[in-house]
Amino acid sequence: MIEVKRIGTDPVLEFEVVVHEPASRSRYHVTLEPSLWQRLVAGRFPPERVLQAAFAFLLDREPKEAILACFDLSVVSRYFPEFERELPRYLAGS
């Protein structure tokens, strides 16, 4: 389960993300520039949903322990160039 909680909004959106698995959980601090959020989804999905989809994408590619504990969502494309192309599929999957 992926739990996303907004913890700040100025000047960037800040979130605490917790990934729960049966035997453990991991906690992350993630920031999201409002301009990136708009470019990715044009306001069609709330930022929390975008983060949920982004973590689903990440977890399909690596274990939760390999995900950086603190990062800006913009770095995901550096590690996974297909991220922005694949994101709509993850958003539609819920």
PDB file of N, CA and C in Angstrom:
ATOM      1  N   MET A   1       0.845  -1.172   0.000  1.00  0.00           N
ATOM      2  CA  MET A   1       0.000   0.000   0.000  1.00  0.00           C
ATOM      3  C   MET A   1       0.893   1.239   0.000  1.00  0.00           C
ATOM      4  N   ILE A   2       0.484   2.244  -0.753  1.00  0.00           N
ATOM      5  CA  ILE A   2       1.223   3.497  -0.851  1.00  0.00           C
ATOM      6  C   ILE A   2       0.359   4.591  -0.237  1.00  0.00           C
ATOM      7  N   GLU A   3       0.853   5.205   0.806  1.00  0.00           N
ATOM      8  CA  GLU A   3       0.129   6.266   1.510  1.00  0.00           C
ATOM      9  C   GLU A   3       0.857   7.585   1.264  1.00  0.00           C
ATOM     10  N   VAL A   4       0.116   8.602   0.817  1.00  0.00           N
ATOM     11  CA  VAL A   4       0.708   9.899   0.502  1.00  0.00           C
ATOM     12  C   VAL A   4       0.019  10.966   1.344  1.00  0.00           C
ATOM     13  N   LYS A   5       0.834  11.775   2.028  1.00  0.00           N
ATOM     14  CA  LYS A   5       0.300  12.844   2.870  1.00  0.00           C
ATOM     15  C   LYS A   5       1.040  14.141   2.538  1.00  0.00           C
ATOM     16  N   ARG A   6       0.275  15.181   2.187  1.00  0.00           N
ATOM     17  CA  ARG A   6       0.891  16.476   1.894  1.00  0.00           C
ATOM     18  C   ARG A   6       1.321  17.117   3.207  1.00  0.00           C
ATOM     19  N   ILE A   7       2.561  17.612   3.253  1.00  0.00           N
ATOM     20  CA  ILE A   7       3.062  18.235   4.473  1.00  0.00           C
ATOM     21  C   ILE A   7       3.496  19.682   4.269  1.00  0.00           C
ATOM     22  N   GLY A   8       3.480  20.174   3.031  1.00  0.00           N
ATOM     23  CA  GLY A   8       3.860  21.552   2.755  1.00  0.00           C
ATOM     24  C   GLY A   8       3.454  21.965   1.360  1.00  0.00           C
ATOM     25  N   THR A   9       3.338  23.298   1.161  1.00  0.00           N
ATOM     26  CA  THR A   9       2.894  23.776  -0.154  1.00  0.00           C
ATOM     27  C   THR A   9       3.653  25.002  -0.655  1.00  0.00           C
ATOM     28  N   ASP A  10       4.642  25.494   0.066  1.00  0.00           N
ATOM     29  CA  ASP A  10       5.248  26.757  -0.335  1.00  0.00           C
ATOM     30  C   ASP A  10       6.756  26.701  -0.233  1.00  0.00           C
ATOM     31  N   PRO A  11       7.511  26.945  -1.268  1.00  0.00           N
ATOM     32  CA  PRO A  11       7.092  27.250  -2.638  1.00  0.00           C
ATOM     33  C   PRO A  11       6.852  25.998  -3.473  1.00  0.00           C
ATOM     34  N   VAL A  12       7.271  24.832  -2.964  1.00  0.00           N
ATOM     35  CA  VAL A  12       7.009  23.576  -3.677  1.00  0.00           C
ATOM     36  C   VAL A  12       6.067  22.731  -2.839  1.00  0.00           C
ATOM     37  N   LEU A  13       5.432  21.776  -3.484  1.00  0.00           N
ATOM     38  CA  LEU A  13       4.572  20.834  -2.765  1.00  0.00           C
ATOM     39  C   LEU A  13       5.473  19.792  -2.105  1.00  0.00           C
ATOM     40  N   GLU A  14       5.223  19.516  -0.836  1.00  0.00           N
ATOM     41  CA  GLU A  14       6.020  18.531  -0.102  1.00  0.00           C
ATOM     42  C   GLU A  14       5.119  17.426   0.419  1.00  0.00           C
ATOM     43  N   PHE A  15       5.644  16.202   0.381  1.00  0.00           N
ATOM     44  CA  PHE A  15       4.850  15.044   0.769  1.00  0.00           C
ATOM     45  C   PHE A  15       5.670  14.080   1.615  1.00  0.00           C
ATOM     46  N   GLU A  16       4.961  13.384   2.462  1.00  0.00           N
ATOM     47  CA  GLU A  16       5.507  12.218   3.123  1.00  0.00           C
ATOM     48  C   GLU A  16       4.829  11.025   2.461  1.00  0.00           C
ATOM     49  N   VAL A  17       5.633  10.095   1.987  1.00  0.00           N
ATOM     50  CA  VAL A  17       5.098   8.902   1.339  1.00  0.00           C
ATOM     51  C   VAL A  17       5.551   7.698   2.165  1.00  0.00           C
ATOM     52  N   VAL A  18       4.599   6.827   2.469  1.00  0.00           N
ATOM     53  CA  VAL A  18       4.915   5.617   3.212  1.00  0.00           C
ATOM     54  C   VAL A  18       4.486   4.424   2.363  1.00  0.00           C
ATOM     55  N   VAL A  19       5.418   3.499   2.153  1.00  0.00           N
ATOM     56  CA  VAL A  19       5.127   2.266   1.426  1.00  0.00           C
ATOM     57  C   VAL A  19       5.036   1.154   2.460  1.00  0.00           C
ATOM     58  N   HIS A  20       3.844   0.585   2.569  1.00  0.00           N
ATOM     59  CA  HIS A  20       3.593  -0.492   3.521  1.00  0.00           C
ATOM     60  C   HIS A  20       3.658  -1.835   2.791  1.00  0.00           C
ATOM     61  N   GLU A  21       4.421  -2.754   3.345  1.00  0.00           N
ATOM     62  CA  GLU A  21       4.442  -4.140   2.887  1.00  0.00           C
ATOM     63  C   GLU A  21       4.124  -4.998   4.103  1.00  0.00           C
ATOM     64  N   PRO A  22       3.769  -6.249   3.921  1.00  0.00           N
ATOM     65  CA  PRO A  22       3.369  -7.073   5.065  1.00  0.00           C
ATOM     66  C   PRO A  22       4.361  -7.064   6.231  1.00  0.00           C
ATOM     67  N   ALA A  23       5.649  -7.122   5.946  1.00  0.00           N
ATOM     68  CA  ALA A  23       6.630  -7.244   7.024  1.00  0.00           C
ATOM     69  C   ALA A  23       7.369  -5.948   7.351  1.00  0.00           C
ATOM     70  N   SER A  24       7.171  -4.900   6.543  1.00  0.00           N
ATOM     71  CA  SER A  24       7.931  -3.671   6.783  1.00  0.00           C
ATOM     72  C   SER A  24       7.280  -2.484   6.094  1.00  0.00           C
ATOM     73  N   ARG A  25       7.835  -1.315   6.410  1.00  0.00           N
ATOM     74  CA  ARG A  25       7.392  -0.104   5.717  1.00  0.00           C
ATOM     75  C   ARG A  25       8.584   0.814   5.546  1.00  0.00           C
ATOM     76  N   SER A  26       8.499   1.667   4.535  1.00  0.00           N
ATOM     77  CA  SER A  26       9.541   2.647   4.260  1.00  0.00           C
ATOM     78  C   SER A  26       8.893   4.012   4.114  1.00  0.00           C
ATOM     79  N   ARG A  27       9.623   5.032   4.573  1.00  0.00           N
ATOM     80  CA  ARG A  27       9.112   6.409   4.567  1.00  0.00           C
ATOM     81  C   ARG A  27      10.015   7.273   3.689  1.00  0.00           C
ATOM     82  N   TYR A  28       9.379   8.175   2.924  1.00  0.00           N
ATOM     83  CA  TYR A  28      10.096   9.034   1.990  1.00  0.00           C
ATOM     84  C   TYR A  28       9.610  10.470   2.127  1.00  0.00           C
ATOM     85  N   HIS A  29      10.497  11.406   1.805  1.00  0.00           N
ATOM     86  CA  HIS A  29      10.139  12.824   1.723  1.00  0.00           C
ATOM     87  C   HIS A  29      10.306  13.210   0.260  1.00  0.00           C
ATOM     88  N   VAL A  30       9.215  13.644  -0.372  1.00  0.00           N
ATOM     89  CA  VAL A  30       9.239  13.929  -1.809  1.00  0.00           C
ATOM     90  C   VAL A  30       8.700  15.334  -2.050  1.00  0.00           C
ATOM     91  N   THR A  31       9.385  16.071  -2.914  1.00  0.00           N
ATOM     92  CA  THR A  31       8.910  17.388  -3.318  1.00  0.00           C
ATOM     93  C   THR A  31       8.454  17.340  -4.767  1.00  0.00           C
ATOM     94  N   LEU A  32       7.562  18.268  -5.101  1.00  0.00           N
ATOM     95  CA  LEU A  32       7.004  18.338  -6.450  1.00  0.00           C
ATOM     96  C   LEU A  32       6.776  19.799  -6.797  1.00  0.00           C
ATOM     97  N   GLU A  33       7.467  20.269  -7.802  1.00  0.00           N
ATOM     98  CA  GLU A  33       7.257  21.638  -8.277  1.00  0.00           C
ATOM     99  C   GLU A  33       5.868  21.730  -8.903  1.00  0.00           C
ATOM    100  N   PRO A  34       5.099  22.763  -8.553  1.00  0.00           N
ATOM    101  CA  PRO A  34       3.771  22.913  -9.164  1.00  0.00           C
ATOM    102  C   PRO A  34       3.820  22.938 -10.698  1.00  0.00           C
ATOM    103  N   SER A  35       4.880  23.497 -11.272  1.00  0.00           N
ATOM    104  CA  SER A  35       4.985  23.537 -12.738  1.00  0.00           C
ATOM    105  C   SER A  35       5.140  22.126 -13.324  1.00  0.00           C
ATOM    106  N   LEU A  36       5.866  21.250 -12.639  1.00  0.00           N
ATOM    107  CA  LEU A  36       5.992  19.868 -13.114  1.00  0.00           C
ATOM    108  C   LEU A  36       4.657  19.148 -12.992  1.00  0.00           C
ATOM    109  N   TRP A  37       3.974  19.334 -11.880  1.00  0.00           N
ATOM    110  CA  TRP A  37       2.645  18.725 -11.693  1.00  0.00           C
ATOM    111  C   TRP A  37       1.715  19.132 -12.836  1.00  0.00           C
ATOM    112  N   GLN A  38       1.708  20.419 -13.170  1.00  0.00           N
ATOM    113  CA  GLN A  38       0.848  20.895 -14.257  1.00  0.00           C
ATOM    114  C   GLN A  38       1.264  20.289 -15.594  1.00  0.00           C
ATOM    115  N   ARG A  39       2.562  20.216 -15.831  1.00  0.00           N
ATOM    116  CA  ARG A  39       3.039  19.654 -17.106  1.00  0.00           C
ATOM    117  C   ARG A  39       2.692  18.170 -17.219  1.00  0.00           C
ATOM    118  N   LEU A  40       2.788  17.454 -16.115  1.00  0.00           N
ATOM    119  CA  LEU A  40       2.526  16.012 -16.155  1.00  0.00           C
ATOM    120  C   LEU A  40       1.057  15.680 -16.335  1.00  0.00           C
ATOM    121  N   VAL A  41       0.174  16.411 -15.634  1.00  0.00           N
ATOM    122  CA  VAL A  41      -1.241  16.015 -15.643  1.00  0.00           C
ATOM    123  C   VAL A  41      -2.218  17.161 -15.895  1.00  0.00           C
ATOM    124  N   ALA A  42      -1.704  18.368 -16.101  1.00  0.00           N
ATOM    125  CA  ALA A  42      -2.555  19.534 -16.385  1.00  0.00           C
ATOM    126  C   ALA A  42      -3.709  19.676 -15.390  1.00  0.00           C
ATOM    127  N   GLY A  43      -3.440  19.345 -14.136  1.00  0.00           N
ATOM    128  CA  GLY A  43      -4.452  19.490 -13.099  1.00  0.00           C
ATOM    129  C   GLY A  43      -5.543  18.432 -13.097  1.00  0.00           C
ATOM    130  N   ARG A  44      -5.459  17.445 -13.973  1.00  0.00           N
ATOM    131  CA  ARG A  44      -6.508  16.417 -14.059  1.00  0.00           C
ATOM    132  C   ARG A  44      -6.522  15.479 -12.851  1.00  0.00           C
ATOM    133  N   PHE A  45      -5.374  15.358 -12.176  1.00  0.00           N
ATOM    134  CA  PHE A  45      -5.265  14.515 -10.997  1.00  0.00           C
ATOM    135  C   PHE A  45      -4.633  15.329  -9.875  1.00  0.00           C
ATOM    136  N   PRO A  46      -5.047  15.102  -8.643  1.00  0.00           N
ATOM    137  CA  PRO A  46      -4.409  15.825  -7.539  1.00  0.00           C
ATOM    138  C   PRO A  46      -2.948  15.373  -7.384  1.00  0.00           C
ATOM    139  N   PRO A  47      -2.122  16.237  -6.823  1.00  0.00           N
ATOM    140  CA  PRO A  47      -0.707  15.880  -6.651  1.00  0.00           C
ATOM    141  C   PRO A  47      -0.511  14.579  -5.878  1.00  0.00           C
ATOM    142  N   GLU A  48      -1.348  14.329  -4.892  1.00  0.00           N
ATOM    143  CA  GLU A  48      -1.220  13.099  -4.114  1.00  0.00           C
ATOM    144  C   GLU A  48      -1.372  11.864  -4.996  1.00  0.00           C
ATOM    145  N   ARG A  49      -2.282  11.922  -5.936  1.00  0.00           N
ATOM    146  CA  ARG A  49      -2.499  10.796  -6.859  1.00  0.00           C
ATOM    147  C   ARG A  49      -1.297  10.622  -7.786  1.00  0.00           C
ATOM    148  N   VAL A  50      -0.710  11.740  -8.210  1.00  0.00           N
ATOM    149  CA  VAL A  50       0.477  11.669  -9.060  1.00  0.00           C
ATOM    150  C   VAL A  50       1.613  10.974  -8.311  1.00  0.00           C
ATOM    151  N   LEU A  51       1.792  11.318  -7.038  1.00  0.00           N
ATOM    152  CA  LEU A  51       2.843  10.676  -6.240  1.00  0.00           C
ATOM    153  C   LEU A  51       2.560   9.184  -6.053  1.00  0.00           C
ATOM    154  N   GLN A  52       1.302   8.847  -5.827  1.00  0.00           N
ATOM    155  CA  GLN A  52       0.928   7.439  -5.681  1.00  0.00           C
ATOM    156  C   GLN A  52       1.280   6.659  -6.955  1.00  0.00           C
ATOM    157  N   ALA A  53       0.931   7.218  -8.094  1.00  0.00           N
ATOM    158  CA  ALA A  53       1.234   6.573  -9.374  1.00  0.00           C
ATOM    159  C   ALA A  53       2.738   6.502  -9.608  1.00  0.00           C
ATOM    160  N   ALA A  54       3.453   7.557  -9.245  1.00  0.00           N
ATOM    161  CA  ALA A  54       4.904   7.569  -9.420  1.00  0.00           C
ATOM    162  C   ALA A  54       5.555   6.476  -8.582  1.00  0.00           C
ATOM    163  N   PHE A  55       5.075   6.281  -7.361  1.00  0.00           N
ATOM    164  CA  PHE A  55       5.643   5.224  -6.522  1.00  0.00           C
ATOM    165  C   PHE A  55       5.271   3.836  -7.048  1.00  0.00           C
ATOM    166  N   ALA A  56       4.087   3.677  -7.583  1.00  0.00           N
ATOM    167  CA  ALA A  56       3.731   2.394  -8.196  1.00  0.00           C
ATOM    168  C   ALA A  56       4.693   2.101  -9.352  1.00  0.00           C
ATOM    169  N   PHE A  57       4.971   3.120 -10.152  1.00  0.00           N
ATOM    170  CA  PHE A  57       5.924   3.000 -11.251  1.00  0.00           C
ATOM    171  C   PHE A  57       7.296   2.578 -10.719  1.00  0.00           C
ATOM    172  N   LEU A  58       7.777   3.274  -9.697  1.00  0.00           N
ATOM    173  CA  LEU A  58       9.092   2.972  -9.124  1.00  0.00           C
ATOM    174  C   LEU A  58       9.155   1.551  -8.556  1.00  0.00           C
ATOM    175  N   LEU A  59       8.104   1.173  -7.839  1.00  0.00           N
ATOM    176  CA  LEU A  59       8.102  -0.150  -7.204  1.00  0.00           C
ATOM    177  C   LEU A  59       8.025  -1.289  -8.217  1.00  0.00           C
ATOM    178  N   ASP A  60       7.550  -0.990  -9.420  1.00  0.00           N
ATOM    179  CA  ASP A  60       7.571  -1.995 -10.481  1.00  0.00           C
ATOM    180  C   ASP A  60       8.992  -2.199 -11.027  1.00  0.00           C
ATOM    181  N   ARG A  61       9.887  -1.278 -10.689  1.00  0.00           N
ATOM    182  CA  ARG A  61      11.234  -1.322 -11.235  1.00  0.00           C
ATOM    183  C   ARG A  61      12.332  -1.586 -10.215  1.00  0.00           C
ATOM    184  N   GLU A  62      12.038  -1.363  -8.942  1.00  0.00           N
ATOM    185  CA  GLU A  62      13.057  -1.578  -7.915  1.00  0.00           C
ATOM    186  C   GLU A  62      12.387  -1.794  -6.566  1.00  0.00           C
ATOM    187  N   PRO A  63      13.098  -2.447  -5.641  1.00  0.00           N
ATOM    188  CA  PRO A  63      12.513  -2.637  -4.306  1.00  0.00           C
ATOM    189  C   PRO A  63      12.428  -1.311  -3.563  1.00  0.00           C
ATOM    190  N   LYS A  64      11.523  -1.239  -2.608  1.00  0.00           N
ATOM    191  CA  LYS A  64      11.319   0.014  -1.875  1.00  0.00           C
ATOM    192  C   LYS A  64      12.595   0.489  -1.196  1.00  0.00           C
ATOM    193  N   GLU A  65      13.459  -0.429  -0.812  1.00  0.00           N
ATOM    194  CA  GLU A  65      14.708  -0.073  -0.144  1.00  0.00           C
ATOM    195  C   GLU A  65      15.689   0.641  -1.077  1.00  0.00           C
ATOM    196  N   ALA A  66      15.503   0.510  -2.383  1.00  0.00           N
ATOM    197  CA  ALA A  66      16.392   1.147  -3.355  1.00  0.00           C
ATOM    198  C   ALA A  66      15.946   2.561  -3.725  1.00  0.00           C
ATOM    199  N   ILE A  67      14.747   2.949  -3.325  1.00  0.00           N
ATOM    200  CA  ILE A  67      14.234   4.285  -3.641  1.00  0.00           C
ATOM    201  C   ILE A  67      14.862   5.286  -2.683  1.00  0.00           C
ATOM    202  N   LEU A  68      15.300   6.420  -3.221  1.00  0.00           N
ATOM    203  CA  LEU A  68      15.903   7.466  -2.398  1.00  0.00           C
ATOM    204  C   LEU A  68      14.946   7.901  -1.290  1.00  0.00           C
ATOM    205  N   ALA A  69      15.461   8.158  -0.117  1.00  0.00           N
ATOM    206  CA  ALA A  69      14.625   8.551   1.022  1.00  0.00           C
ATOM    207  C   ALA A  69      14.083   9.972   0.880  1.00  0.00           C
ATOM    208  N   CYS A  70      14.810  10.805   0.151  1.00  0.00           N
ATOM    209  CA  CYS A  70      14.398  12.206  -0.034  1.00  0.00           C
ATOM    210  C   CYS A  70      14.753  12.609  -1.462  1.00  0.00           C
ATOM    211  N   PHE A  71      13.748  13.059  -2.229  1.00  0.00           N
ATOM    212  CA  PHE A  71      14.016  13.446  -3.603  1.00  0.00           C
ATOM    213  C   PHE A  71      12.897  14.328  -4.149  1.00  0.00           C
ATOM    214  N   ASP A  72      13.201  15.011  -5.243  1.00  0.00           N
ATOM    215  CA  ASP A  72      12.204  15.765  -5.990  1.00  0.00           C
ATOM    216  C   ASP A  72      11.722  14.869  -7.125  1.00  0.00           C
ATOM    217  N   LEU A  73      10.440  14.903  -7.412  1.00  0.00           N
ATOM    218  CA  LEU A  73       9.879  14.004  -8.423  1.00  0.00           C
ATOM    219  C   LEU A  73      10.556  14.164  -9.781  1.00  0.00           C
ATOM    220  N   SER A  74      11.107  15.319 -10.059  1.00  0.00           N
ATOM    221  CA  SER A  74      11.762  15.547 -11.354  1.00  0.00           C
ATOM    222  C   SER A  74      12.945  14.617 -11.590  1.00  0.00           C
ATOM    223  N   VAL A  75      13.556  14.076 -10.539  1.00  0.00           N
ATOM    224  CA  VAL A  75      14.730  13.211 -10.733  1.00  0.00           C
ATOM    225  C   VAL A  75      14.362  11.826 -11.240  1.00  0.00           C
ATOM    226  N   VAL A  76      13.113  11.435 -11.121  1.00  0.00           N
ATOM    227  CA  VAL A  76      12.720  10.089 -11.547  1.00  0.00           C
ATOM    228  C   VAL A  76      13.037   9.887 -13.030  1.00  0.00           C
ATOM    229  N   SER A  77      12.804  10.902 -13.841  1.00  0.00           N
ATOM    230  CA  SER A  77      13.082  10.789 -15.288  1.00  0.00           C
ATOM    231  C   SER A  77      14.557  10.617 -15.589  1.00  0.00           C
ATOM    232  N   ARG A  78      15.422  11.074 -14.699  1.00  0.00           N
ATOM    233  CA  ARG A  78      16.862  10.883 -14.902  1.00  0.00           C
ATOM    234  C   ARG A  78      17.241   9.415 -14.762  1.00  0.00           C
ATOM    235  N   TYR A  79      16.604   8.746 -13.829  1.00  0.00           N
ATOM    236  CA  TYR A  79      16.887   7.324 -13.596  1.00  0.00           C
ATOM    237  C   TYR A  79      16.087   6.425 -14.541  1.00  0.00           C
ATOM    238  N   PHE A  80      14.879   6.873 -14.853  1.00  0.00           N
ATOM    239  CA  PHE A  80      13.974   6.085 -15.706  1.00  0.00           C
ATOM    240  C   PHE A  80      13.400   7.014 -16.782  1.00  0.00           C
ATOM    241  N   PRO A  81      14.063   7.114 -17.928  1.00  0.00           N
ATOM    242  CA  PRO A  81      13.629   8.046 -18.980  1.00  0.00           C
ATOM    243  C   PRO A  81      12.189   7.823 -19.452  1.00  0.00           C
ATOM    244  N   GLU A  82      11.651   6.626 -19.260  1.00  0.00           N
ATOM    245  CA  GLU A  82      10.283   6.327 -19.703  1.00  0.00           C
ATOM    246  C   GLU A  82       9.215   6.807 -18.720  1.00  0.00           C
ATOM    247  N   PHE A  83       9.615   7.386 -17.592  1.00  0.00           N
ATOM    248  CA  PHE A  83       8.666   7.738 -16.535  1.00  0.00           C
ATOM    249  C   PHE A  83       7.490   8.580 -17.031  1.00  0.00           C
ATOM    250  N   GLU A  84       7.761   9.691 -17.676  1.00  0.00           N
ATOM    251  CA  GLU A  84       6.671  10.579 -18.089  1.00  0.00           C
ATOM    252  C   GLU A  84       5.766   9.923 -19.124  1.00  0.00           C
ATOM    253  N   ARG A  85       6.317   9.100 -19.981  1.00  0.00           N
ATOM    254  CA  ARG A  85       5.516   8.390 -20.982  1.00  0.00           C
ATOM    255  C   ARG A  85       4.617   7.338 -20.324  1.00  0.00           C
ATOM    256  N   GLU A  86       5.126   6.673 -19.286  1.00  0.00           N
ATOM    257  CA  GLU A  86       4.391   5.600 -18.619  1.00  0.00           C
ATOM    258  C   GLU A  86       3.426   6.091 -17.544  1.00  0.00           C
ATOM    259  N   LEU A  87       3.621   7.295 -17.026  1.00  0.00           N
ATOM    260  CA  LEU A  87       2.797   7.785 -15.925  1.00  0.00           C
ATOM    261  C   LEU A  87       1.299   7.723 -16.187  1.00  0.00           C
ATOM    262  N   PRO A  88       0.801   8.104 -17.357  1.00  0.00           N
ATOM    263  CA  PRO A  88      -0.655   8.019 -17.585  1.00  0.00           C
ATOM    264  C   PRO A  88      -1.219   6.623 -17.384  1.00  0.00           C
ATOM    265  N   ARG A  89      -0.470   5.606 -17.727  1.00  0.00           N
ATOM    266  CA  ARG A  89      -0.936   4.224 -17.521  1.00  0.00           C
ATOM    267  C   ARG A  89      -1.083   3.934 -16.023  1.00  0.00           C
ATOM    268  N   TYR A  90      -0.168   4.423 -15.222  1.00  0.00           N
ATOM    269  CA  TYR A  90      -0.253   4.208 -13.776  1.00  0.00           C
ATOM    270  C   TYR A  90      -1.373   5.037 -13.161  1.00  0.00           C
ATOM    271  N   LEU A  91      -1.599   6.211 -13.684  1.00  0.00           N
ATOM    272  CA  LEU A  91      -2.714   7.028 -13.197  1.00  0.00           C
ATOM    273  C   LEU A  91      -4.054   6.379 -13.532  1.00  0.00           C
ATOM    274  N   ALA A  92      -4.146   5.765 -14.691  1.00  0.00           N
ATOM    275  CA  ALA A  92      -5.395   5.116 -15.113  1.00  0.00           C
ATOM    276  C   ALA A  92      -5.641   3.809 -14.390  1.00  0.00           C
ATOM    277  N   GLY A  93      -4.578   3.238 -13.823  1.00  0.00           N
ATOM    278  CA  GLY A  93      -4.677   1.932 -13.186  1.00  0.00           C
ATOM    279  C   GLY A  93      -5.391   1.914 -11.859  1.00  0.00           C
ATOM    280  N   SER A  94      -5.781   3.061 -11.337  1.00  0.00           N
ATOM    281  CA  SER A  94      -6.430   3.051 -10.013  1.00  0.00           C
ATOM    282  C   SER A  94      -7.921   3.059 -10.121  1.00  0.00           C
TER     283      SER A  94
END
